[in-house]
PDB file of N, CA and C in Angstrom:
ATOM      1  N   MET A   1     -20.760 -64.976 -65.116  1.00  0.00           N
ATOM      2  CA  MET A   1     -21.312 -65.333 -63.853  1.00  0.00           C
ATOM      3  C   MET A   1     -22.962 -64.886 -63.245  1.00  0.00           C
ATOM      4  N   GLN A   2     -23.569 -65.619 -62.678  1.00  0.00           N
ATOM      5  CA  GLN A   2     -25.003 -64.939 -62.292  1.00  0.00           C
ATOM      6  C   GLN A   2     -24.899 -64.222 -60.923  1.00  0.00           C
ATOM      7  N   TYR A   3     -25.626 -63.087 -60.912  1.00  0.00           N
ATOM      8  CA  TYR A   3     -25.711 -62.487 -59.943  1.00  0.00           C
ATOM      9  C   TYR A   3     -27.104 -62.195 -59.212  1.00  0.00           C
ATOM     10  N   PHE A   4     -27.108 -62.361 -58.197  1.00  0.00           N
ATOM     11  CA  PHE A   4     -28.434 -62.312 -57.413  1.00  0.00           C
ATOM     12  C   PHE A   4     -28.393 -61.062 -56.606  1.00  0.00           C
ATOM     13  N   GLU A   5     -29.550 -60.802 -56.222  1.00  0.00           N
ATOM     14  CA  GLU A   5     -29.799 -59.556 -55.532  1.00  0.00           C
ATOM     15  C   GLU A   5     -28.853 -59.827 -54.089  1.00  0.00           C
ATOM     16  N   GLY A   6     -28.193 -58.784 -53.813  1.00  0.00           N
ATOM     17  CA  GLY A   6     -27.259 -58.731 -52.487  1.00  0.00           C
ATOM     18  C   GLY A   6     -25.786 -59.380 -52.667  1.00  0.00           C
ATOM     19  N   GLY A   7     -25.712 -59.781 -54.107  1.00  0.00           N
ATOM     20  CA  GLY A   7     -24.257 -60.383 -54.629  1.00  0.00           C
ATOM     21  C   GLY A   7     -24.303 -61.431 -55.141  1.00  0.00           C
ATOM     22  N   SER A   8     -22.862 -62.200 -55.151  1.00  0.00           N
ATOM     23  CA  SER A   8     -22.607 -63.328 -55.944  1.00  0.00           C
ATOM     24  C   SER A   8     -23.198 -64.486 -55.490  1.00  0.00           C
ATOM     25  N   LEU A   9     -23.584 -65.271 -56.365  1.00  0.00           N
ATOM     26  CA  LEU A   9     -23.900 -66.719 -56.230  1.00  0.00           C
ATOM     27  C   LEU A   9     -23.211 -67.412 -55.163  1.00  0.00           C
ATOM     28  N   ILE A  10     -21.917 -67.401 -55.459  1.00  0.00           N
ATOM     29  CA  ILE A  10     -20.908 -67.870 -54.474  1.00  0.00           C
ATOM     30  C   ILE A  10     -20.748 -66.965 -53.179  1.00  0.00           C
ATOM     31  N   PRO A  11     -21.031 -67.768 -51.921  1.00  0.00           N
ATOM     32  CA  PRO A  11     -21.165 -66.790 -50.684  1.00  0.00           C
ATOM     33  C   PRO A  11     -19.618 -66.652 -50.330  1.00  0.00           C
ATOM     34  N   ASN A  12     -19.185 -65.516 -49.988  1.00  0.00           N
ATOM     35  CA  ASN A  12     -17.986 -64.807 -49.378  1.00  0.00           C
ATOM     36  C   ASN A  12     -17.627 -64.813 -47.664  1.00  0.00           C
ATOM     37  N   LYS A  13     -16.830 -65.848 -47.259  1.00  0.00           N
ATOM     38  CA  LYS A  13     -16.876 -66.322 -46.300  1.00  0.00           C
ATOM     39  C   LYS A  13     -15.561 -65.923 -45.615  1.00  0.00           C
ATOM     40  N   SER A  14     -15.641 -65.312 -44.208  1.00  0.00           N
ATOM     41  CA  SER A  14     -14.307 -64.899 -43.882  1.00  0.00           C
ATOM     42  C   SER A  14     -14.249 -65.421 -42.401  1.00  0.00           C
ATOM     43  N   PRO A  15     -13.207 -65.384 -41.787  1.00  0.00           N
ATOM     44  CA  PRO A  15     -13.213 -65.918 -40.401  1.00  0.00           C
ATOM     45  C   PRO A  15     -13.809 -64.670 -39.305  1.00  0.00           C
ATOM     46  N   GLY A  16     -14.112 -65.246 -38.317  1.00  0.00           N
ATOM     47  CA  GLY A  16     -14.834 -64.358 -37.408  1.00  0.00           C
ATOM     48  C   GLY A  16     -13.787 -64.231 -36.151  1.00  0.00           C
ATOM     49  N   ARG A  17     -14.593 -64.000 -35.152  1.00  0.00           N
ATOM     50  CA  ARG A  17     -13.857 -64.081 -33.699  1.00  0.00           C
ATOM     51  C   ARG A  17     -13.535 -65.511 -33.378  1.00  0.00           C
ATOM     52  N   LEU A  18     -12.439 -65.919 -32.966  1.00  0.00           N
ATOM     53  CA  LEU A  18     -11.881 -66.980 -32.517  1.00  0.00           C
ATOM     54  C   LEU A  18     -12.278 -67.343 -31.180  1.00  0.00           C
ATOM     55  N   THR A  19     -12.567 -68.543 -30.683  1.00  0.00           N
ATOM     56  CA  THR A  19     -12.610 -68.717 -29.241  1.00  0.00           C
ATOM     57  C   THR A  19     -12.010 -70.384 -28.931  1.00  0.00           C
ATOM     58  N   PHE A  20     -11.321 -70.537 -27.681  1.00  0.00           N
ATOM     59  CA  PHE A  20     -10.574 -71.525 -27.391  1.00  0.00           C
ATOM     60  C   PHE A  20     -11.117 -72.026 -26.309  1.00  0.00           C
ATOM     61  N   SER A  21     -11.296 -73.612 -26.224  1.00  0.00           N
ATOM     62  CA  SER A  21     -11.843 -74.050 -25.167  1.00  0.00           C
ATOM     63  C   SER A  21     -10.508 -74.032 -23.827  1.00  0.00           C
ATOM     64  N   ASP A  22     -10.954 -74.115 -22.619  1.00  0.00           N
ATOM     65  CA  ASP A  22     -10.296 -74.129 -21.583  1.00  0.00           C
ATOM     66  C   ASP A  22      -9.910 -75.554 -21.442  1.00  0.00           C
ATOM     67  N   VAL A  23      -8.355 -75.367 -20.645  1.00  0.00           N
ATOM     68  CA  VAL A  23      -7.349 -76.772 -20.764  1.00  0.00           C
ATOM     69  C   VAL A  23      -7.641 -77.059 -19.258  1.00  0.00           C
ATOM     70  N   THR A  24      -7.821 -78.447 -18.898  1.00  0.00           N
ATOM     71  CA  THR A  24      -7.896 -78.842 -17.626  1.00  0.00           C
ATOM     72  C   THR A  24      -6.505 -79.764 -17.492  1.00  0.00           C
ATOM     73  N   LEU A  25      -5.964 -79.617 -16.345  1.00  0.00           N
ATOM     74  CA  LEU A  25      -4.461 -80.559 -16.553  1.00  0.00           C
ATOM     75  C   LEU A  25      -4.630 -81.024 -15.103  1.00  0.00           C
ATOM     76  N   GLU A  26      -4.353 -82.402 -14.837  1.00  0.00           N
ATOM     77  CA  GLU A  26      -4.192 -83.174 -13.607  1.00  0.00           C
ATOM     78  C   GLU A  26      -3.053 -83.542 -13.198  1.00  0.00           C
ATOM     79  N   ARG A  27      -2.503 -83.805 -11.877  1.00  0.00           N
ATOM     80  CA  ARG A  27      -1.408 -84.381 -11.327  1.00  0.00           C
ATOM     81  C   ARG A  27      -1.378 -84.950 -10.203  1.00  0.00           C
ATOM     82  N   GLY A  28      -0.800 -85.748  -9.682  1.00  0.00           N
ATOM     83  CA  GLY A  28      -0.726 -86.108  -8.467  1.00  0.00           C
ATOM     84  C   GLY A  28      -0.196 -85.029  -7.449  1.00  0.00           C
ATOM     85  N   ALA A  29      -0.782 -84.779  -6.279  1.00  0.00           N
ATOM     86  CA  ALA A  29      -0.812 -83.772  -5.157  1.00  0.00           C
ATOM     87  C   ALA A  29       0.733 -83.804  -5.042  1.00  0.00           C
ATOM     88  N   THR A  30       1.223 -82.726  -4.817  1.00  0.00           N
ATOM     89  CA  THR A  30       2.737 -82.359  -4.299  1.00  0.00           C
ATOM     90  C   THR A  30       3.014 -81.315  -3.190  1.00  0.00           C
ATOM     91  N   GLU A  31       4.162 -81.199  -2.908  1.00  0.00           N
ATOM     92  CA  GLU A  31       4.104 -79.948  -1.691  1.00  0.00           C
ATOM     93  C   GLU A  31       4.501 -78.777  -2.546  1.00  0.00           C
ATOM     94  N   ASP A  32       4.401 -78.539  -4.108  1.00  0.00           N
ATOM     95  CA  ASP A  32       4.680 -77.560  -4.599  1.00  0.00           C
ATOM     96  C   ASP A  32       3.472 -76.713  -4.589  1.00  0.00           C
ATOM     97  N   ARG A  33       3.747 -75.218  -4.298  1.00  0.00           N
ATOM     98  CA  ARG A  33       2.297 -74.701  -4.077  1.00  0.00           C
ATOM     99  C   ARG A  33       2.327 -73.498  -5.344  1.00  0.00           C
ATOM    100  N   ASP A  34       3.133 -73.515  -5.949  1.00  0.00           N
ATOM    101  CA  ASP A  34       3.123 -72.784  -7.161  1.00  0.00           C
ATOM    102  C   ASP A  34       1.959 -72.610  -7.932  1.00  0.00           C
ATOM    103  N   LEU A  35       1.147 -73.602  -8.271  1.00  0.00           N
ATOM    104  CA  LEU A  35      -0.093 -73.593  -9.292  1.00  0.00           C
ATOM    105  C   LEU A  35      -1.438 -73.143  -8.369  1.00  0.00           C
ATOM    106  N   PHE A  36      -1.279 -73.440  -6.803  1.00  0.00           N
ATOM    107  CA  PHE A  36      -2.246 -72.938  -6.129  1.00  0.00           C
ATOM    108  C   PHE A  36      -2.139 -71.401  -5.848  1.00  0.00           C
ATOM    109  N   ASP A  37      -0.851 -70.805  -5.668  1.00  0.00           N
ATOM    110  CA  ASP A  37      -0.503 -69.614  -5.455  1.00  0.00           C
ATOM    111  C   ASP A  37      -0.990 -68.678  -6.613  1.00  0.00           C
ATOM    112  N   TRP A  38      -0.657 -69.059  -7.431  1.00  0.00           N
ATOM    113  CA  TRP A  38      -1.060 -68.265  -8.906  1.00  0.00           C
ATOM    114  C   TRP A  38      -2.721 -68.156  -8.909  1.00  0.00           C
ATOM    115  N   PHE A  39      -3.491 -69.554  -8.575  1.00  0.00           N
ATOM    116  CA  PHE A  39      -4.906 -69.501  -8.489  1.00  0.00           C
ATOM    117  C   PHE A  39      -5.333 -68.646  -7.805  1.00  0.00           C
ATOM    118  N   GLN A  40      -4.807 -68.442  -6.319  1.00  0.00           N
ATOM    119  CA  GLN A  40      -5.109 -67.668  -5.375  1.00  0.00           C
ATOM    120  C   GLN A  40      -5.104 -66.197  -5.654  1.00  0.00           C
ATOM    121  N   ASP A  41      -3.782 -65.907  -6.628  1.00  0.00           N
ATOM    122  CA  ASP A  41      -3.572 -64.432  -6.842  1.00  0.00           C
ATOM    123  C   ASP A  41      -4.727 -64.000  -7.832  1.00  0.00           C
ATOM    124  N   VAL A  42      -4.988 -64.594  -8.849  1.00  0.00           N
ATOM    125  CA  VAL A  42      -6.294 -64.554  -9.533  1.00  0.00           C
ATOM    126  C   VAL A  42      -7.487 -64.291  -8.993  1.00  0.00           C
ATOM    127  N   ALA A  43      -7.740 -65.404  -8.043  1.00  0.00           N
ATOM    128  CA  ALA A  43      -9.090 -65.148  -7.064  1.00  0.00           C
ATOM    129  C   ALA A  43      -9.244 -63.792  -6.320  1.00  0.00           C
ATOM    130  N   ILE A  44      -8.187 -63.297  -5.830  1.00  0.00           N
ATOM    131  CA  ILE A  44      -7.890 -61.855  -5.183  1.00  0.00           C
ATOM    132  C   ILE A  44      -8.106 -60.922  -6.323  1.00  0.00           C
ATOM    133  N   THR A  45      -7.423 -60.998  -7.210  1.00  0.00           N
ATOM    134  CA  THR A  45      -7.665 -60.163  -8.533  1.00  0.00           C
ATOM    135  C   THR A  45      -9.128 -59.858  -8.720  1.00  0.00           C
ATOM    136  N   SER A  46      -9.735 -61.155  -8.832  1.00  0.00           N
ATOM    137  CA  SER A  46     -11.326 -60.923  -9.444  1.00  0.00           C
ATOM    138  C   SER A  46     -12.346 -60.406  -8.276  1.00  0.00           C
ATOM    139  N   SER A  47     -11.851 -60.191  -7.025  1.00  0.00           N
ATOM    140  CA  SER A  47     -12.563 -59.733  -6.050  1.00  0.00           C
ATOM    141  C   SER A  47     -12.376 -58.146  -5.945  1.00  0.00           C
ATOM    142  N   GLY A  48     -11.231 -57.806  -6.915  1.00  0.00           N
ATOM    143  CA  GLY A  48     -11.010 -56.312  -6.833  1.00  0.00           C
ATOM    144  C   GLY A  48     -10.117 -56.032  -5.800  1.00  0.00           C
ATOM    145  N   LEU A  49      -9.381 -57.157  -5.102  1.00  0.00           N
ATOM    146  CA  LEU A  49      -8.982 -56.413  -3.749  1.00  0.00           C
ATOM    147  C   LEU A  49      -7.038 -56.482  -4.023  1.00  0.00           C
ATOM    148  N   GLY A  50      -6.673 -57.005  -5.614  1.00  0.00           N
ATOM    149  CA  GLY A  50      -5.372 -57.213  -5.570  1.00  0.00           C
ATOM    150  C   GLY A  50      -4.633 -56.713  -7.145  1.00  0.00           C
ATOM    151  N   LEU A  51      -4.003 -57.762  -7.277  1.00  0.00           N
ATOM    152  CA  LEU A  51      -3.231 -57.394  -8.579  1.00  0.00           C
ATOM    153  C   LEU A  51      -4.130 -56.971  -9.610  1.00  0.00           C
ATOM    154  N   THR A  52      -3.287 -56.502 -10.948  1.00  0.00           N
ATOM    155  CA  THR A  52      -3.802 -55.876 -12.167  1.00  0.00           C
ATOM    156  C   THR A  52      -3.854 -57.141 -12.904  1.00  0.00           C
ATOM    157  N   ASP A  53      -4.776 -57.115 -14.174  1.00  0.00           N
ATOM    158  CA  ASP A  53      -4.714 -58.104 -15.030  1.00  0.00           C
ATOM    159  C   ASP A  53      -3.328 -58.688 -15.610  1.00  0.00           C
ATOM    160  N   VAL A  54      -2.273 -57.787 -15.843  1.00  0.00           N
ATOM    161  CA  VAL A  54      -1.053 -58.187 -16.374  1.00  0.00           C
ATOM    162  C   VAL A  54      -0.402 -58.837 -15.510  1.00  0.00           C
ATOM    163  N   ASN A  55      -0.259 -58.678 -14.369  1.00  0.00           N
ATOM    164  CA  ASN A  55       0.370 -59.860 -13.284  1.00  0.00           C
ATOM    165  C   ASN A  55      -0.222 -61.337 -12.928  1.00  0.00           C
ATOM    166  N   TYR A  56      -1.291 -61.631 -13.313  1.00  0.00           N
ATOM    167  CA  TYR A  56      -1.527 -63.141 -13.295  1.00  0.00           C
ATOM    168  C   TYR A  56      -1.839 -63.679 -14.591  1.00  0.00           C
ATOM    169  N   LYS A  57      -2.038 -63.341 -15.681  1.00  0.00           N
ATOM    170  CA  LYS A  57      -1.891 -64.051 -17.063  1.00  0.00           C
ATOM    171  C   LYS A  57      -0.519 -64.167 -17.155  1.00  0.00           C
ATOM    172  N   ARG A  58      -0.353 -65.327 -17.730  1.00  0.00           N
ATOM    173  CA  ARG A  58       1.327 -65.802 -17.960  1.00  0.00           C
ATOM    174  C   ARG A  58       1.262 -66.679 -19.304  1.00  0.00           C
ATOM    175  N   ASN A  59       2.248 -66.720 -20.121  1.00  0.00           N
ATOM    176  CA  ASN A  59       2.605 -67.446 -21.156  1.00  0.00           C
ATOM    177  C   ASN A  59       3.336 -68.871 -20.778  1.00  0.00           C
ATOM    178  N   LEU A  60       2.853 -70.029 -21.261  1.00  0.00           N
ATOM    179  CA  LEU A  60       3.301 -71.182 -20.803  1.00  0.00           C
ATOM    180  C   LEU A  60       3.271 -72.236 -21.579  1.00  0.00           C
ATOM    181  N   ASP A  61       4.003 -73.270 -21.456  1.00  0.00           N
ATOM    182  CA  ASP A  61       3.970 -74.498 -22.325  1.00  0.00           C
ATOM    183  C   ASP A  61       3.690 -75.578 -21.610  1.00  0.00           C
ATOM    184  N   ILE A  62       2.539 -76.332 -22.152  1.00  0.00           N
ATOM    185  CA  ILE A  62       2.300 -77.588 -21.777  1.00  0.00           C
ATOM    186  C   ILE A  62       2.993 -78.678 -22.448  1.00  0.00           C
ATOM    187  N   VAL A  63       3.642 -79.654 -21.728  1.00  0.00           N
ATOM    188  CA  VAL A  63       4.382 -80.640 -22.501  1.00  0.00           C
ATOM    189  C   VAL A  63       4.135 -82.065 -21.960  1.00  0.00           C
ATOM    190  N   GLN A  64       3.761 -82.839 -23.156  1.00  0.00           N
ATOM    191  CA  GLN A  64       3.298 -84.156 -23.003  1.00  0.00           C
ATOM    192  C   GLN A  64       4.813 -84.928 -23.151  1.00  0.00           C
ATOM    193  N   GLN A  65       5.137 -85.757 -22.189  1.00  0.00           N
ATOM    194  CA  GLN A  65       6.200 -86.768 -22.405  1.00  0.00           C
ATOM    195  C   GLN A  65       5.886 -88.168 -22.361  1.00  0.00           C
ATOM    196  N   ASP A  66       6.706 -89.121 -22.856  1.00  0.00           N
ATOM    197  CA  ASP A  66       6.450 -90.247 -22.582  1.00  0.00           C
ATOM    198  C   ASP A  66       7.273 -90.867 -21.500  1.00  0.00           C
ATOM    199  N   HIS A  67       7.314 -92.125 -20.718  1.00  0.00           N
ATOM    200  CA  HIS A  67       7.622 -92.712 -19.603  1.00  0.00           C
ATOM    201  C   HIS A  67       9.293 -92.388 -19.510  1.00  0.00           C
ATOM    202  N   ASP A  68      10.040 -92.271 -20.585  1.00  0.00           N
ATOM    203  CA  ASP A  68      11.413 -91.805 -20.212  1.00  0.00           C
ATOM    204  C   ASP A  68      11.469 -90.327 -20.420  1.00  0.00           C
ATOM    205  N   GLY A  69      10.848 -89.671 -20.591  1.00  0.00           N
ATOM    206  CA  GLY A  69      10.740 -88.182 -20.358  1.00  0.00           C
ATOM    207  C   GLY A  69      11.194 -87.729 -21.426  1.00  0.00           C
ATOM    208  N   THR A  70      10.993 -88.078 -22.645  1.00  0.00           N
ATOM    209  CA  THR A  70      10.760 -87.848 -24.106  1.00  0.00           C
ATOM    210  C   THR A  70       9.775 -87.022 -24.375  1.00  0.00           C
ATOM    211  N   THR A  71      10.044 -85.684 -24.852  1.00  0.00           N
ATOM    212  CA  THR A  71       8.703 -84.668 -25.326  1.00  0.00           C
ATOM    213  C   THR A  71       8.279 -85.428 -26.728  1.00  0.00           C
ATOM    214  N   LEU A  72       6.840 -85.692 -26.422  1.00  0.00           N
ATOM    215  CA  LEU A  72       6.116 -86.058 -27.364  1.00  0.00           C
ATOM    216  C   LEU A  72       5.262 -84.770 -28.203  1.00  0.00           C
ATOM    217  N   ARG A  73       4.794 -83.893 -27.269  1.00  0.00           N
ATOM    218  CA  ARG A  73       4.048 -82.653 -27.874  1.00  0.00           C
ATOM    219  C   ARG A  73       4.428 -81.702 -26.954  1.00  0.00           C
ATOM    220  N   ARG A  74       4.426 -80.385 -27.510  1.00  0.00           N
ATOM    221  CA  ARG A  74       4.205 -79.357 -26.630  1.00  0.00           C
ATOM    222  C   ARG A  74       3.521 -78.215 -27.264  1.00  0.00           C
ATOM    223  N   TRP A  75       2.735 -77.656 -26.587  1.00  0.00           N
ATOM    224  CA  TRP A  75       1.677 -76.417 -26.689  1.00  0.00           C
ATOM    225  C   TRP A  75       2.253 -75.278 -26.072  1.00  0.00           C
ATOM    226  N   SER A  76       1.944 -74.218 -26.826  1.00  0.00           N
ATOM    227  CA  SER A  76       2.402 -72.831 -25.879  1.00  0.00           C
ATOM    228  C   SER A  76       0.961 -72.063 -25.936  1.00  0.00           C
ATOM    229  N   LEU A  77       0.654 -71.659 -24.761  1.00  0.00           N
ATOM    230  CA  LEU A  77      -0.600 -71.071 -24.492  1.00  0.00           C
ATOM    231  C   LEU A  77      -0.042 -69.531 -24.160  1.00  0.00           C
ATOM    232  N   SER A  78      -0.679 -68.672 -24.745  1.00  0.00           N
ATOM    233  CA  SER A  78      -0.562 -67.208 -24.401  1.00  0.00           C
ATOM    234  C   SER A  78      -1.579 -66.551 -23.593  1.00  0.00           C
ATOM    235  N   ARG A  79      -0.996 -66.029 -22.488  1.00  0.00           N
ATOM    236  CA  ARG A  79      -1.781 -65.333 -21.781  1.00  0.00           C
ATOM    237  C   ARG A  79      -2.982 -65.859 -21.016  1.00  0.00           C
ATOM    238  N   ALA A  80      -2.359 -67.023 -20.442  1.00  0.00           N
ATOM    239  CA  ALA A  80      -3.476 -68.064 -19.774  1.00  0.00           C
ATOM    240  C   ALA A  80      -3.568 -67.649 -18.100  1.00  0.00           C
ATOM    241  N   TRP A  81      -4.340 -68.169 -17.364  1.00  0.00           N
ATOM    242  CA  TRP A  81      -4.859 -67.784 -16.056  1.00  0.00           C
ATOM    243  C   TRP A  81      -5.625 -68.932 -15.756  1.00  0.00           C
ATOM    244  N   PRO A  82      -5.331 -69.336 -14.427  1.00  0.00           N
ATOM    245  CA  PRO A  82      -6.289 -70.457 -14.047  1.00  0.00           C
ATOM    246  C   PRO A  82      -7.645 -69.893 -13.462  1.00  0.00           C
ATOM    247  N   THR A  83      -8.861 -70.774 -13.890  1.00  0.00           N
ATOM    248  CA  THR A  83     -10.184 -70.363 -13.594  1.00  0.00           C
ATOM    249  C   THR A  83     -10.501 -71.276 -12.391  1.00  0.00           C
ATOM    250  N   LYS A  84     -10.213 -72.241 -12.303  1.00  0.00           N
ATOM    251  CA  LYS A  84     -10.582 -73.495 -11.383  1.00  0.00           C
ATOM    252  C   LYS A  84      -9.650 -74.505 -10.847  1.00  0.00           C
ATOM    253  N   PHE A  85      -9.348 -74.760  -9.464  1.00  0.00           N
ATOM    254  CA  PHE A  85      -8.355 -75.441  -8.541  1.00  0.00           C
ATOM    255  C   PHE A  85      -9.138 -76.566  -7.881  1.00  0.00           C
ATOM    256  N   VAL A  86      -8.856 -77.756  -8.031  1.00  0.00           N
ATOM    257  CA  VAL A  86      -9.491 -78.799  -7.224  1.00  0.00           C
ATOM    258  C   VAL A  86      -8.271 -79.716  -6.489  1.00  0.00           C
ATOM    259  N   ALA A  87      -8.510 -79.598  -5.227  1.00  0.00           N
ATOM    260  CA  ALA A  87      -7.159 -80.242  -4.610  1.00  0.00           C
ATOM    261  C   ALA A  87      -7.610 -81.619  -4.528  1.00  0.00           C
ATOM    262  N   GLY A  88      -8.616 -82.133  -4.997  1.00  0.00           N
ATOM    263  CA  GLY A  88      -8.652 -83.643  -4.857  1.00  0.00           C
ATOM    264  C   GLY A  88      -9.184 -84.046  -3.651  1.00  0.00           C
ATOM    265  N   GLU A  89      -9.934 -85.407  -3.672  1.00  0.00           N
ATOM    266  CA  GLU A  89     -10.655 -86.034  -2.698  1.00  0.00           C
ATOM    267  C   GLU A  89      -9.488 -86.713  -1.651  1.00  0.00           C
ATOM    268  N   TRP A  90      -9.605 -86.484  -0.545  1.00  0.00           N
ATOM    269  CA  TRP A  90      -8.905 -86.865   0.499  1.00  0.00           C
ATOM    270  C   TRP A  90      -9.157 -88.207   1.097  1.00  0.00           C
ATOM    271  N   ASP A  91      -8.805 -89.348   1.010  1.00  0.00           N
ATOM    272  CA  ASP A  91      -9.150 -90.489   1.978  1.00  0.00           C
ATOM    273  C   ASP A  91      -7.872 -91.023   2.498  1.00  0.00           C
ATOM    274  N   ASN A  92      -8.375 -91.020   3.748  1.00  0.00           N
ATOM    275  CA  ASN A  92      -7.007 -91.502   4.740  1.00  0.00           C
ATOM    276  C   ASN A  92      -7.039 -93.060   4.619  1.00  0.00           C
ATOM    277  N   GLU A  93      -7.977 -93.849   4.040  1.00  0.00           N
ATOM    278  CA  GLU A  93      -8.057 -95.433   4.193  1.00  0.00           C
ATOM    279  C   GLU A  93      -7.323 -95.903   2.525  1.00  0.00           C
ATOM    280  N   SER A  94      -7.333 -94.692   1.626  1.00  0.00           N
ATOM    281  CA  SER A  94      -6.763 -95.303   0.387  1.00  0.00           C
ATOM    282  C   SER A  94      -5.213 -94.908  -0.040  1.00  0.00           C
ATOM    283  N   ASP A  95      -4.825 -96.124  -0.579  1.00  0.00           N
ATOM    284  CA  ASP A  95      -3.274 -95.968  -1.048  1.00  0.00           C
ATOM    285  C   ASP A  95      -3.040 -94.913  -2.351  1.00  0.00           C
ATOM    286  N   GLU A  96      -4.448 -94.630  -2.770  1.00  0.00           N
ATOM    287  CA  GLU A  96      -3.927 -93.948  -4.024  1.00  0.00           C
ATOM    288  C   GLU A  96      -3.655 -92.232  -3.813  1.00  0.00           C
ATOM    289  N   ASN A  97      -2.742 -91.827  -4.936  1.00  0.00           N
ATOM    290  CA  ASN A  97      -2.442 -90.290  -4.815  1.00  0.00           C
ATOM    291  C   ASN A  97      -3.665 -89.555  -5.233  1.00  0.00           C
ATOM    292  N   VAL A  98      -3.553 -88.369  -4.275  1.00  0.00           N
ATOM    293  CA  VAL A  98      -4.471 -87.653  -4.459  1.00  0.00           C
ATOM    294  C   VAL A  98      -4.084 -86.546  -5.519  1.00  0.00           C
ATOM    295  N   ILE A  99      -5.330 -86.351  -6.630  1.00  0.00           N
ATOM    296  CA  ILE A  99      -5.137 -85.887  -7.696  1.00  0.00           C
ATOM    297  C   ILE A  99      -5.852 -84.494  -7.927  1.00  0.00           C
ATOM    298  N   GLU A 100      -4.626 -83.385  -8.127  1.00  0.00           N
ATOM    299  CA  GLU A 100      -5.311 -82.117  -8.038  1.00  0.00           C
ATOM    300  C   GLU A 100      -5.494 -81.757  -9.665  1.00  0.00           C
ATOM    301  N   SER A 101      -6.324 -80.963  -9.997  1.00  0.00           N
ATOM    302  CA  SER A 101      -6.808 -80.317 -11.402  1.00  0.00           C
ATOM    303  C   SER A 101      -6.557 -78.875 -11.178  1.00  0.00           C
ATOM    304  N   VAL A 102      -6.374 -78.430 -12.388  1.00  0.00           N
ATOM    305  CA  VAL A 102      -6.292 -77.009 -12.584  1.00  0.00           C
ATOM    306  C   VAL A 102      -7.167 -76.750 -14.216  1.00  0.00           C
ATOM    307  N   THR A 103      -7.743 -75.794 -14.054  1.00  0.00           N
ATOM    308  CA  THR A 103      -8.336 -75.454 -15.542  1.00  0.00           C
ATOM    309  C   THR A 103      -8.062 -74.083 -15.532  1.00  0.00           C
ATOM    310  N   LEU A 104      -7.462 -74.030 -17.071  1.00  0.00           N
ATOM    311  CA  LEU A 104      -6.926 -72.579 -17.480  1.00  0.00           C
ATOM    312  C   LEU A 104      -7.378 -72.192 -18.747  1.00  0.00           C
ATOM    313  N   THR A 105      -7.736 -71.041 -18.517  1.00  0.00           N
ATOM    314  CA  THR A 105      -8.380 -70.250 -19.966  1.00  0.00           C
ATOM    315  C   THR A 105      -6.994 -69.350 -20.678  1.00  0.00           C
ATOM    316  N   HIS A 106      -7.016 -69.353 -21.726  1.00  0.00           N
ATOM    317  CA  HIS A 106      -6.119 -68.448 -22.453  1.00  0.00           C
ATOM    318  C   HIS A 106      -6.570 -67.843 -23.471  1.00  0.00           C
ATOM    319  N   ASP A 107      -5.992 -66.875 -24.270  1.00  0.00           N
ATOM    320  CA  ASP A 107      -6.299 -66.100 -25.408  1.00  0.00           C
ATOM    321  C   ASP A 107      -5.793 -66.574 -26.609  1.00  0.00           C
ATOM    322  N   PHE A 108      -5.010 -67.407 -26.407  1.00  0.00           N
ATOM    323  CA  PHE A 108      -4.270 -68.019 -28.233  1.00  0.00           C
ATOM    324  C   PHE A 108      -3.389 -69.215 -27.607  1.00  0.00           C
ATOM    325  N   PHE A 109      -3.299 -70.355 -28.483  1.00  0.00           N
ATOM    326  CA  PHE A 109      -2.400 -71.314 -28.444  1.00  0.00           C
ATOM    327  C   PHE A 109      -1.822 -71.627 -29.688  1.00  0.00           C
ATOM    328  N   GLU A 110      -0.694 -72.313 -29.588  1.00  0.00           N
ATOM    329  CA  GLU A 110       0.024 -73.134 -30.907  1.00  0.00           C
ATOM    330  C   GLU A 110       0.406 -74.334 -30.279  1.00  0.00           C
ATOM    331  N   LEU A 111       0.550 -75.111 -31.595  1.00  0.00           N
ATOM    332  CA  LEU A 111       1.248 -76.473 -31.242  1.00  0.00           C
ATOM    333  C   LEU A 111       2.616 -76.244 -31.623  1.00  0.00           C
ATOM    334  N   VAL A 112       3.548 -76.414 -30.734  1.00  0.00           N
ATOM    335  CA  VAL A 112       4.957 -76.166 -30.959  1.00  0.00           C
ATOM    336  C   VAL A 112       5.678 -77.186 -31.772  1.00  0.00           C
ATOM    337  N   GLN A 113       5.477 -78.592 -31.317  1.00  0.00           N
ATOM    338  CA  GLN A 113       6.224 -79.448 -31.564  1.00  0.00           C
ATOM    339  C   GLN A 113       5.325 -80.646 -31.698  1.00  0.00           C
TER     340      GLN A 113
END
């Protein structure tokens, strides 16, 4: 094997720091406030007025289902928290559902199913 200054002819690559893209979920507006309340807790924490980091990061699953409720895929997110919440556009003249969205950041994820 031929060597050059600084080492081998074949580079030695190894994994570096991993990053994961944020996940944005959408749903029709409901009376359920859990998602908004979680986002509000994080917003208060980030302003230095409330909870500690441990209290707002959560492990969660995102489940993709078909029309009859059968699970198609399941992702597990580790230490996730919401970074953005959009309540949707309100139009009293429209018959369409209001769509809420939440953007989650996370430390790690796995495809479980």
